[in-house]
PDB file of N, CA and C in Angstrom:
ATOM      1  N   MET A   1     -45.006  51.652   2.799  1.00  0.00           N
ATOM      2  CA  MET A   1     -44.092  51.864   3.819  1.00  0.00           C
ATOM      3  C   MET A   1     -44.122  50.127   3.989  1.00  0.00           C
ATOM      4  N   ALA A   2     -44.840  49.459   3.888  1.00  0.00           N
ATOM      5  CA  ALA A   2     -44.725  48.051   3.694  1.00  0.00           C
ATOM      6  C   ALA A   2     -43.521  47.291   2.846  1.00  0.00           C
ATOM      7  N   TRP A   3     -43.873  48.041   2.029  1.00  0.00           N
ATOM      8  CA  TRP A   3     -42.899  48.125   0.575  1.00  0.00           C
ATOM      9  C   TRP A   3     -41.319  47.809   1.322  1.00  0.00           C
ATOM     10  N   THR A   4     -41.230  49.117   1.392  1.00  0.00           N
ATOM     11  CA  THR A   4     -39.955  49.445   1.953  1.00  0.00           C
ATOM     12  C   THR A   4     -39.704  48.237   3.335  1.00  0.00           C
ATOM     13  N   PHE A   5     -40.469  47.897   3.981  1.00  0.00           N
ATOM     14  CA  PHE A   5     -39.856  47.153   5.011  1.00  0.00           C
ATOM     15  C   PHE A   5     -39.342  45.735   4.342  1.00  0.00           C
ATOM     16  N   LEU A   6     -40.467  45.236   3.321  1.00  0.00           N
ATOM     17  CA  LEU A   6     -40.106  43.898   2.860  1.00  0.00           C
ATOM     18  C   LEU A   6     -38.975  44.036   1.866  1.00  0.00           C
ATOM     19  N   ILE A   7     -38.300  45.286   1.134  1.00  0.00           N
ATOM     20  CA  ILE A   7     -37.316  45.336   0.365  1.00  0.00           C
ATOM     21  C   ILE A   7     -36.185  45.091   1.600  1.00  0.00           C
ATOM     22  N   LEU A   8     -36.176  45.768   2.396  1.00  0.00           N
ATOM     23  CA  LEU A   8     -35.012  45.776   3.467  1.00  0.00           C
ATOM     24  C   LEU A   8     -35.040  44.322   3.962  1.00  0.00           C
ATOM     25  N   ALA A   9     -36.089  44.178   4.186  1.00  0.00           N
ATOM     26  CA  ALA A   9     -35.892  42.506   4.506  1.00  0.00           C
ATOM     27  C   ALA A   9     -35.295  41.229   3.869  1.00  0.00           C
ATOM     28  N   GLY A  10     -35.610  41.518   2.706  1.00  0.00           N
ATOM     29  CA  GLY A  10     -34.729  41.040   1.381  1.00  0.00           C
ATOM     30  C   GLY A  10     -33.257  41.160   1.481  1.00  0.00           C
ATOM     31  N   LEU A  11     -32.823  42.679   1.615  1.00  0.00           N
ATOM     32  CA  LEU A  11     -31.443  42.921   1.680  1.00  0.00           C
ATOM     33  C   LEU A  11     -30.502  42.201   2.809  1.00  0.00           C
ATOM     34  N   PHE A  12     -31.296  42.260   3.696  1.00  0.00           N
ATOM     35  CA  PHE A  12     -30.952  41.455   5.262  1.00  0.00           C
ATOM     36  C   PHE A  12     -30.672  40.035   4.872  1.00  0.00           C
ATOM     37  N   GLU A  13     -31.711  39.698   4.344  1.00  0.00           N
ATOM     38  CA  GLU A  13     -31.524  38.242   4.017  1.00  0.00           C
ATOM     39  C   GLU A  13     -30.157  37.713   3.319  1.00  0.00           C
ATOM     40  N   MET A  14     -29.932  38.525   2.307  1.00  0.00           N
ATOM     41  CA  MET A  14     -28.731  38.863   1.380  1.00  0.00           C
ATOM     42  C   MET A  14     -27.679  38.446   2.259  1.00  0.00           C
ATOM     43  N   LEU A  15     -27.830  39.372   3.368  1.00  0.00           N
ATOM     44  CA  LEU A  15     -26.478  39.704   3.968  1.00  0.00           C
ATOM     45  C   LEU A  15     -25.954  38.406   4.681  1.00  0.00           C
ATOM     46  N   GLY A  16     -27.446  37.908   5.713  1.00  0.00           N
ATOM     47  CA  GLY A  16     -27.324  36.742   5.904  1.00  0.00           C
ATOM     48  C   GLY A  16     -26.844  35.420   5.213  1.00  0.00           C
ATOM     49  N   VAL A  17     -27.316  35.547   4.156  1.00  0.00           N
ATOM     50  CA  VAL A  17     -26.745  34.287   3.063  1.00  0.00           C
ATOM     51  C   VAL A  17     -25.206  34.354   2.827  1.00  0.00           C
ATOM     52  N   ALA A  18     -24.984  35.771   2.598  1.00  0.00           N
ATOM     53  CA  ALA A  18     -23.371  35.927   2.261  1.00  0.00           C
ATOM     54  C   ALA A  18     -22.894  35.585   3.363  1.00  0.00           C
ATOM     55  N   MET A  19     -23.254  35.750   4.715  1.00  0.00           N
ATOM     56  CA  MET A  19     -22.590  35.102   5.908  1.00  0.00           C
ATOM     57  C   MET A  19     -22.139  33.802   6.174  1.00  0.00           C
ATOM     58  N   ILE A  20     -23.058  32.978   5.389  1.00  0.00           N
ATOM     59  CA  ILE A  20     -23.196  31.567   5.587  1.00  0.00           C
ATOM     60  C   ILE A  20     -21.991  31.268   4.940  1.00  0.00           C
ATOM     61  N   ASN A  21     -21.948  31.886   3.640  1.00  0.00           N
ATOM     62  CA  ASN A  21     -20.628  31.516   2.961  1.00  0.00           C
ATOM     63  C   ASN A  21     -19.427  31.946   3.269  1.00  0.00           C
ATOM     64  N   LYS A  22     -19.400  32.998   3.928  1.00  0.00           N
ATOM     65  CA  LYS A  22     -18.073  33.591   4.802  1.00  0.00           C
ATOM     66  C   LYS A  22     -17.845  32.772   5.825  1.00  0.00           C
ATOM     67  N   LEU A  23     -18.906  32.310   6.537  1.00  0.00           N
ATOM     68  CA  LEU A  23     -18.293  31.597   7.830  1.00  0.00           C
ATOM     69  C   LEU A  23     -17.935  30.269   7.078  1.00  0.00           C
ATOM     70  N   HIS A  24     -18.789  29.519   6.125  1.00  0.00           N
ATOM     71  CA  HIS A  24     -18.514  28.361   5.855  1.00  0.00           C
ATOM     72  C   HIS A  24     -16.856  28.418   5.220  1.00  0.00           C
ATOM     73  N   ASN A  25     -16.132  29.414   4.689  1.00  0.00           N
ATOM     74  CA  ASN A  25     -15.117  29.437   3.914  1.00  0.00           C
ATOM     75  C   ASN A  25     -13.938  29.851   5.258  1.00  0.00           C
ATOM     76  N   GLY A  26     -14.281  30.097   6.173  1.00  0.00           N
ATOM     77  CA  GLY A  26     -13.300  30.707   7.331  1.00  0.00           C
ATOM     78  C   GLY A  26     -13.959  31.055   8.551  1.00  0.00           C
ATOM     79  N   LYS A  27     -14.112  30.091   9.704  1.00  0.00           N
ATOM     80  CA  LYS A  27     -14.287  30.111  10.838  1.00  0.00           C
ATOM     81  C   LYS A  27     -14.108  31.433  11.675  1.00  0.00           C
ATOM     82  N   ASN A  28     -14.518  32.283  11.810  1.00  0.00           N
ATOM     83  CA  ASN A  28     -14.398  33.644  12.336  1.00  0.00           C
ATOM     84  C   ASN A  28     -15.611  34.309  12.910  1.00  0.00           C
ATOM     85  N   TRP A  29     -15.674  34.876  14.314  1.00  0.00           N
ATOM     86  CA  TRP A  29     -16.991  35.183  15.104  1.00  0.00           C
ATOM     87  C   TRP A  29     -17.702  36.490  14.280  1.00  0.00           C
ATOM     88  N   ILE A  30     -16.698  37.348  13.476  1.00  0.00           N
ATOM     89  CA  ILE A  30     -17.634  38.148  12.866  1.00  0.00           C
ATOM     90  C   ILE A  30     -18.745  37.600  11.999  1.00  0.00           C
ATOM     91  N   PRO A  31     -18.342  36.803  10.857  1.00  0.00           N
ATOM     92  CA  PRO A  31     -19.526  36.591   9.814  1.00  0.00           C
ATOM     93  C   PRO A  31     -20.823  36.105  10.771  1.00  0.00           C
ATOM     94  N   ALA A  32     -20.759  35.284  12.082  1.00  0.00           N
ATOM     95  CA  ALA A  32     -21.330  34.462  12.825  1.00  0.00           C
ATOM     96  C   ALA A  32     -21.915  35.444  13.332  1.00  0.00           C
ATOM     97  N   VAL A  33     -21.630  36.278  14.032  1.00  0.00           N
ATOM     98  CA  VAL A  33     -22.699  37.799  14.229  1.00  0.00           C
ATOM     99  C   VAL A  33     -23.306  38.401  13.398  1.00  0.00           C
ATOM    100  N   LEU A  34     -23.061  38.858  12.115  1.00  0.00           N
ATOM    101  CA  LEU A  34     -23.458  39.286  10.927  1.00  0.00           C
ATOM    102  C   LEU A  34     -24.492  38.666  10.419  1.00  0.00           C
ATOM    103  N   LEU A  35     -24.338  37.374  10.483  1.00  0.00           N
ATOM    104  CA  LEU A  35     -25.621  36.072   9.937  1.00  0.00           C
ATOM    105  C   LEU A  35     -26.664  36.082  10.844  1.00  0.00           C
ATOM    106  N   ILE A  36     -26.365  36.150  12.351  1.00  0.00           N
ATOM    107  CA  ILE A  36     -27.412  36.617  13.220  1.00  0.00           C
ATOM    108  C   ILE A  36     -28.145  37.410  12.854  1.00  0.00           C
ATOM    109  N   LEU A  37     -27.274  38.573  12.930  1.00  0.00           N
ATOM    110  CA  LEU A  37     -28.144  39.949  12.890  1.00  0.00           C
ATOM    111  C   LEU A  37     -28.872  40.202  11.646  1.00  0.00           C
ATOM    112  N   GLY A  38     -28.265  40.003  10.117  1.00  0.00           N
ATOM    113  CA  GLY A  38     -28.919  39.596   9.317  1.00  0.00           C
ATOM    114  C   GLY A  38     -30.320  39.139   9.245  1.00  0.00           C
ATOM    115  N   PHE A  39     -30.075  37.933   9.063  1.00  0.00           N
ATOM    116  CA  PHE A  39     -31.666  36.935   9.341  1.00  0.00           C
ATOM    117  C   PHE A  39     -32.376  37.609  10.741  1.00  0.00           C
ATOM    118  N   GLY A  40     -32.152  37.738  11.612  1.00  0.00           N
ATOM    119  CA  GLY A  40     -33.143  38.608  12.365  1.00  0.00           C
ATOM    120  C   GLY A  40     -33.569  39.864  11.887  1.00  0.00           C
ATOM    121  N   ALA A  41     -32.732  40.673  11.974  1.00  0.00           N
ATOM    122  CA  ALA A  41     -33.431  41.722  11.010  1.00  0.00           C
ATOM    123  C   ALA A  41     -34.307  41.400   9.786  1.00  0.00           C
ATOM    124  N   SER A  42     -33.948  40.745   9.090  1.00  0.00           N
ATOM    125  CA  SER A  42     -34.712  40.003   8.266  1.00  0.00           C
ATOM    126  C   SER A  42     -36.218  39.458   8.530  1.00  0.00           C
ATOM    127  N   PHE A  43     -36.165  38.750   9.244  1.00  0.00           N
ATOM    128  CA  PHE A  43     -37.814  37.734  10.033  1.00  0.00           C
ATOM    129  C   PHE A  43     -38.274  39.255  10.585  1.00  0.00           C
ATOM    130  N   LEU A  44     -37.629  40.098  11.531  1.00  0.00           N
ATOM    131  CA  LEU A  44     -38.360  41.100  11.874  1.00  0.00           C
ATOM    132  C   LEU A  44     -39.001  42.099  10.997  1.00  0.00           C
ATOM    133  N   LEU A  45     -38.323  42.598  10.208  1.00  0.00           N
ATOM    134  CA  LEU A  45     -38.858  43.511   8.873  1.00  0.00           C
ATOM    135  C   LEU A  45     -39.594  42.623   7.844  1.00  0.00           C
ATOM    136  N   LEU A  46     -39.690  41.506   7.516  1.00  0.00           N
ATOM    137  CA  LEU A  46     -40.679  40.592   7.198  1.00  0.00           C
ATOM    138  C   LEU A  46     -41.873  40.621   8.124  1.00  0.00           C
ATOM    139  N   SER A  47     -42.156  40.606   9.241  1.00  0.00           N
ATOM    140  CA  SER A  47     -43.185  40.307   9.905  1.00  0.00           C
ATOM    141  C   SER A  47     -43.850  41.642   9.757  1.00  0.00           C
ATOM    142  N   ILE A  48     -42.976  42.795   9.861  1.00  0.00           N
ATOM    143  CA  ILE A  48     -43.890  44.138   9.932  1.00  0.00           C
ATOM    144  C   ILE A  48     -44.473  44.562   8.533  1.00  0.00           C
ATOM    145  N   ALA A  49     -43.386  43.880   7.397  1.00  0.00           N
ATOM    146  CA  ALA A  49     -44.317  43.851   5.800  1.00  0.00           C
ATOM    147  C   ALA A  49     -45.742  43.105   6.373  1.00  0.00           C
ATOM    148  N   MET A  50     -45.807  42.269   6.728  1.00  0.00           N
ATOM    149  CA  MET A  50     -47.005  41.287   6.522  1.00  0.00           C
ATOM    150  C   MET A  50     -47.896  42.019   7.067  1.00  0.00           C
ATOM    151  N   GLU A  51     -47.704  42.707   8.189  1.00  0.00           N
ATOM    152  CA  GLU A  51     -48.860  43.169   8.996  1.00  0.00           C
ATOM    153  C   GLU A  51     -49.846  44.094   7.796  1.00  0.00           C
ATOM    154  N   SER A  52     -49.195  44.466   6.712  1.00  0.00           N
ATOM    155  CA  SER A  52     -50.086  45.287   5.856  1.00  0.00           C
ATOM    156  C   SER A  52     -50.374  44.345   4.379  1.00  0.00           C
ATOM    157  N   LEU A  53     -49.350  43.768   4.207  1.00  0.00           N
ATOM    158  CA  LEU A  53     -49.129  43.020   2.585  1.00  0.00           C
ATOM    159  C   LEU A  53     -49.396  41.608   3.078  1.00  0.00           C
ATOM    160  N   PRO A  54     -50.266  41.073   1.699  1.00  0.00           N
ATOM    161  CA  PRO A  54     -50.632  39.647   2.187  1.00  0.00           C
ATOM    162  C   PRO A  54     -49.431  38.288   2.337  1.00  0.00           C
ATOM    163  N   MET A  55     -49.640  37.633   2.917  1.00  0.00           N
ATOM    164  CA  MET A  55     -48.779  36.809   3.280  1.00  0.00           C
ATOM    165  C   MET A  55     -47.934  35.979   2.279  1.00  0.00           C
ATOM    166  N   GLY A  56     -48.894  35.626   1.223  1.00  0.00           N
ATOM    167  CA  GLY A  56     -48.294  35.208  -0.160  1.00  0.00           C
ATOM    168  C   GLY A  56     -47.267  35.782  -0.781  1.00  0.00           C
ATOM    169  N   THR A  57     -47.860  36.822  -1.123  1.00  0.00           N
ATOM    170  CA  THR A  57     -46.858  38.089  -1.597  1.00  0.00           C
ATOM    171  C   THR A  57     -45.687  38.756  -0.754  1.00  0.00           C
ATOM    172  N   ALA A  58     -45.870  39.033   0.051  1.00  0.00           N
ATOM    173  CA  ALA A  58     -44.631  39.226   0.966  1.00  0.00           C
ATOM    174  C   ALA A  58     -43.802  37.983   1.166  1.00  0.00           C
ATOM    175  N   TYR A  59     -43.883  36.916   1.046  1.00  0.00           N
ATOM    176  CA  TYR A  59     -42.762  35.835   1.549  1.00  0.00           C
ATOM    177  C   TYR A  59     -42.153  35.575   0.121  1.00  0.00           C
ATOM    178  N   ALA A  60     -43.273  35.676  -1.113  1.00  0.00           N
ATOM    179  CA  ALA A  60     -42.279  34.885  -2.454  1.00  0.00           C
ATOM    180  C   ALA A  60     -41.519  36.420  -2.899  1.00  0.00           C
ATOM    181  N   VAL A  61     -41.687  37.705  -2.305  1.00  0.00           N
ATOM    182  CA  VAL A  61     -41.032  38.916  -2.758  1.00  0.00           C
ATOM    183  C   VAL A  61     -39.509  38.771  -1.806  1.00  0.00           C
ATOM    184  N   TRP A  62     -40.114  38.121  -0.900  1.00  0.00           N
ATOM    185  CA  TRP A  62     -38.709  38.342   0.085  1.00  0.00           C
ATOM    186  C   TRP A  62     -37.938  36.987  -0.131  1.00  0.00           C
ATOM    187  N   THR A  63     -38.726  35.898  -0.533  1.00  0.00           N
ATOM    188  CA  THR A  63     -37.381  34.655  -0.816  1.00  0.00           C
ATOM    189  C   THR A  63     -36.532  34.899  -2.047  1.00  0.00           C
ATOM    190  N   GLY A  64     -37.867  35.800  -3.071  1.00  0.00           N
ATOM    191  CA  GLY A  64     -37.114  36.099  -4.566  1.00  0.00           C
ATOM    192  C   GLY A  64     -36.054  37.178  -4.422  1.00  0.00           C
ATOM    193  N   ILE A  65     -36.142  38.181  -3.403  1.00  0.00           N
ATOM    194  CA  ILE A  65     -34.797  38.919  -3.135  1.00  0.00           C
ATOM    195  C   ILE A  65     -33.644  38.426  -2.444  1.00  0.00           C
ATOM    196  N   GLY A  66     -33.888  37.459  -1.734  1.00  0.00           N
ATOM    197  CA  GLY A  66     -33.117  36.747  -1.148  1.00  0.00           C
ATOM    198  C   GLY A  66     -32.370  36.130  -1.954  1.00  0.00           C
ATOM    199  N   ALA A  67     -32.988  34.998  -2.623  1.00  0.00           N
ATOM    200  CA  ALA A  67     -32.740  34.299  -3.681  1.00  0.00           C
ATOM    201  C   ALA A  67     -31.930  34.636  -4.666  1.00  0.00           C
ATOM    202  N   SER A  68     -32.314  35.735  -5.480  1.00  0.00           N
ATOM    203  CA  SER A  68     -31.566  36.553  -6.862  1.00  0.00           C
ATOM    204  C   SER A  68     -30.407  37.275  -6.424  1.00  0.00           C
ATOM    205  N   GLY A  69     -30.629  38.075  -4.960  1.00  0.00           N
ATOM    206  CA  GLY A  69     -29.611  38.738  -4.033  1.00  0.00           C
ATOM    207  C   GLY A  69     -28.595  38.092  -3.745  1.00  0.00           C
ATOM    208  N   GLY A  70     -28.646  36.954  -3.196  1.00  0.00           N
ATOM    209  CA  GLY A  70     -27.707  35.732  -2.807  1.00  0.00           C
ATOM    210  C   GLY A  70     -26.998  35.548  -4.166  1.00  0.00           C
ATOM    211  N   ALA A  71     -27.711  34.866  -5.061  1.00  0.00           N
ATOM    212  CA  ALA A  71     -27.372  34.646  -6.431  1.00  0.00           C
ATOM    213  C   ALA A  71     -25.922  35.734  -7.166  1.00  0.00           C
ATOM    214  N   VAL A  72     -26.335  37.326  -6.896  1.00  0.00           N
ATOM    215  CA  VAL A  72     -25.682  38.243  -7.563  1.00  0.00           C
ATOM    216  C   VAL A  72     -24.342  38.386  -6.475  1.00  0.00           C
ATOM    217  N   VAL A  73     -24.801  38.430  -5.347  1.00  0.00           N
ATOM    218  CA  VAL A  73     -23.209  38.288  -4.328  1.00  0.00           C
ATOM    219  C   VAL A  73     -22.335  37.467  -4.748  1.00  0.00           C
ATOM    220  N   GLY A  74     -22.944  36.193  -5.017  1.00  0.00           N
ATOM    221  CA  GLY A  74     -22.074  35.090  -4.973  1.00  0.00           C
ATOM    222  C   GLY A  74     -21.275  35.580  -6.444  1.00  0.00           C
ATOM    223  N   MET A  75     -21.776  35.973  -7.602  1.00  0.00           N
ATOM    224  CA  MET A  75     -21.397  36.198  -8.947  1.00  0.00           C
ATOM    225  C   MET A  75     -20.221  37.367  -8.404  1.00  0.00           C
ATOM    226  N   LEU A  76     -20.577  38.608  -7.671  1.00  0.00           N
ATOM    227  CA  LEU A  76     -19.686  39.490  -7.257  1.00  0.00           C
ATOM    228  C   LEU A  76     -18.575  39.582  -6.547  1.00  0.00           C
ATOM    229  N   PHE A  77     -18.744  38.745  -5.242  1.00  0.00           N
ATOM    230  CA  PHE A  77     -17.854  38.504  -4.266  1.00  0.00           C
ATOM    231  C   PHE A  77     -17.276  37.064  -4.077  1.00  0.00           C
ATOM    232  N   PHE A  78     -17.919  36.010  -4.721  1.00  0.00           N
ATOM    233  CA  PHE A  78     -17.450  35.121  -4.280  1.00  0.00           C
ATOM    234  C   PHE A  78     -17.027  33.575  -5.620  1.00  0.00           C
ATOM    235  N   ASN A  79     -16.878  34.824  -6.755  1.00  0.00           N
ATOM    236  CA  ASN A  79     -16.314  34.178  -8.168  1.00  0.00           C
ATOM    237  C   ASN A  79     -17.205  32.990  -8.572  1.00  0.00           C
ATOM    238  N   GLU A  80     -18.688  33.063  -8.586  1.00  0.00           N
ATOM    239  CA  GLU A  80     -19.342  32.122  -8.790  1.00  0.00           C
ATOM    240  C   GLU A  80     -19.567  32.698 -10.390  1.00  0.00           C
ATOM    241  N   SER A  81     -20.369  31.396 -11.246  1.00  0.00           N
ATOM    242  CA  SER A  81     -20.565  31.731 -12.256  1.00  0.00           C
ATOM    243  C   SER A  81     -20.960  33.244 -12.672  1.00  0.00           C
ATOM    244  N   LYS A  82     -20.720  33.668 -13.894  1.00  0.00           N
ATOM    245  CA  LYS A  82     -21.723  34.653 -14.625  1.00  0.00           C
ATOM    246  C   LYS A  82     -22.500  34.554 -15.753  1.00  0.00           C
ATOM    247  N   ASP A  83     -22.572  33.030 -16.004  1.00  0.00           N
ATOM    248  CA  ASP A  83     -23.156  32.546 -17.282  1.00  0.00           C
ATOM    249  C   ASP A  83     -24.682  33.297 -17.474  1.00  0.00           C
ATOM    250  N   TRP A  84     -24.827  33.509 -19.072  1.00  0.00           N
ATOM    251  CA  TRP A  84     -26.007  34.717 -19.208  1.00  0.00           C
ATOM    252  C   TRP A  84     -27.059  33.956 -19.053  1.00  0.00           C
ATOM    253  N   ARG A  85     -27.288  32.777 -18.897  1.00  0.00           N
ATOM    254  CA  ARG A  85     -28.835  31.976 -18.525  1.00  0.00           C
ATOM    255  C   ARG A  85     -28.806  31.930 -17.251  1.00  0.00           C
ATOM    256  N   ARG A  86     -27.980  32.024 -16.130  1.00  0.00           N
ATOM    257  CA  ARG A  86     -27.943  31.999 -14.690  1.00  0.00           C
ATOM    258  C   ARG A  86     -28.343  34.030 -14.689  1.00  0.00           C
ATOM    259  N   ILE A  87     -28.050  34.865 -15.448  1.00  0.00           N
ATOM    260  CA  ILE A  87     -28.455  36.034 -15.178  1.00  0.00           C
ATOM    261  C   ILE A  87     -29.614  36.177 -15.771  1.00  0.00           C
ATOM    262  N   LEU A  88     -30.400  35.504 -17.008  1.00  0.00           N
ATOM    263  CA  LEU A  88     -31.548  35.764 -16.917  1.00  0.00           C
ATOM    264  C   LEU A  88     -32.467  34.909 -16.291  1.00  0.00           C
ATOM    265  N   PHE A  89     -32.228  34.201 -15.483  1.00  0.00           N
ATOM    266  CA  PHE A  89     -33.162  33.482 -14.527  1.00  0.00           C
ATOM    267  C   PHE A  89     -33.278  33.785 -13.335  1.00  0.00           C
ATOM    268  N   ILE A  90     -32.137  34.944 -12.921  1.00  0.00           N
ATOM    269  CA  ILE A  90     -32.212  35.860 -11.919  1.00  0.00           C
ATOM    270  C   ILE A  90     -33.116  37.132 -12.077  1.00  0.00           C
ATOM    271  N   ALA A  91     -33.011  37.496 -13.526  1.00  0.00           N
ATOM    272  CA  ALA A  91     -33.823  38.403 -13.608  1.00  0.00           C
ATOM    273  C   ALA A  91     -35.125  38.124 -14.009  1.00  0.00           C
ATOM    274  N   MET A  92     -35.755  36.881 -14.291  1.00  0.00           N
ATOM    275  CA  MET A  92     -37.249  36.283 -13.929  1.00  0.00           C
ATOM    276  C   MET A  92     -37.678  36.264 -13.026  1.00  0.00           C
ATOM    277  N   VAL A  93     -36.777  36.235 -11.738  1.00  0.00           N
ATOM    278  CA  VAL A  93     -37.309  35.979 -10.443  1.00  0.00           C
ATOM    279  C   VAL A  93     -37.454  37.263  -9.775  1.00  0.00           C
ATOM    280  N   LEU A  94     -36.773  38.349 -10.317  1.00  0.00           N
ATOM    281  CA  LEU A  94     -37.131  39.819  -9.925  1.00  0.00           C
ATOM    282  C   LEU A  94     -38.222  40.276 -11.026  1.00  0.00           C
ATOM    283  N   GLY A  95     -38.511  39.719 -12.116  1.00  0.00           N
ATOM    284  CA  GLY A  95     -39.534  40.367 -12.649  1.00  0.00           C
ATOM    285  C   GLY A  95     -40.865  39.738 -11.936  1.00  0.00           C
ATOM    286  N   ALA A  96     -40.711  38.668 -11.728  1.00  0.00           N
ATOM    287  CA  ALA A  96     -42.065  37.768 -10.742  1.00  0.00           C
ATOM    288  C   ALA A  96     -42.225  38.585  -9.630  1.00  0.00           C
ATOM    289  N   ALA A  97     -41.207  39.126  -9.219  1.00  0.00           N
ATOM    290  CA  ALA A  97     -41.482  40.252  -7.678  1.00  0.00           C
ATOM    291  C   ALA A  97     -42.021  41.531  -8.161  1.00  0.00           C
ATOM    292  N   VAL A  98     -41.677  41.795  -9.138  1.00  0.00           N
ATOM    293  CA  VAL A  98     -42.038  43.244  -9.621  1.00  0.00           C
ATOM    294  C   VAL A  98     -43.527  43.109 -10.132  1.00  0.00           C
ATOM    295  N   GLY A  99     -44.136  41.787 -10.765  1.00  0.00           N
ATOM    296  CA  GLY A  99     -45.405  41.781 -11.213  1.00  0.00           C
ATOM    297  C   GLY A  99     -46.074  41.228 -10.153  1.00  0.00           C
ATOM    298  N   LEU A 100     -45.502  41.050  -9.257  1.00  0.00           N
ATOM    299  CA  LEU A 100     -46.688  40.621  -7.737  1.00  0.00           C
ATOM    300  C   LEU A 100     -47.201  42.298  -6.936  1.00  0.00           C
ATOM    301  N   LYS A 101     -45.856  42.960  -6.798  1.00  0.00           N
ATOM    302  CA  LYS A 101     -46.375  44.250  -6.528  1.00  0.00           C
ATOM    303  C   LYS A 101     -47.215  44.996  -7.475  1.00  0.00           C
ATOM    304  N   LEU A 102     -47.210  44.799  -8.767  1.00  0.00           N
ATOM    305  CA  LEU A 102     -47.975  45.155  -9.510  1.00  0.00           C
ATOM    306  C   LEU A 102     -49.640  45.015  -9.391  1.00  0.00           C
ATOM    307  N   VAL A 103     -49.887  43.323  -8.793  1.00  0.00           N
ATOM    308  CA  VAL A 103     -50.942  43.256  -8.769  1.00  0.00           C
ATOM    309  C   VAL A 103     -51.725  43.203  -7.119  1.00  0.00           C
ATOM    310  N   SER A 104     -50.820  43.646  -6.617  1.00  0.00           N
ATOM    311  CA  SER A 104     -50.987  43.797  -5.013  1.00  0.00           C
ATOM    312  C   SER A 104     -51.724  45.034  -4.644  1.00  0.00           C
TER     313      SER A 104
END
């Protein structure tokens, strides 16, 4: 169950990062509220996951999901570069997160 909370925490982290970009592009209260809710839920779920998972593993997976997910969201919704090398390194980050799951 801790891994489910950790994955959800990473997804909410992605929401928060996407809302930072939306807020930067246009001042509106909806992205600001979603940013606060996204990061708040992310931290809450991360803390729940860390009750069972080692801190180093949980934090590495959480940041990996947030960073790679943020990059994918940028490519899909904010017209960021879709260069094959960028996709390769995102896959490497996700592979490292899976590797941590396998050894935990």
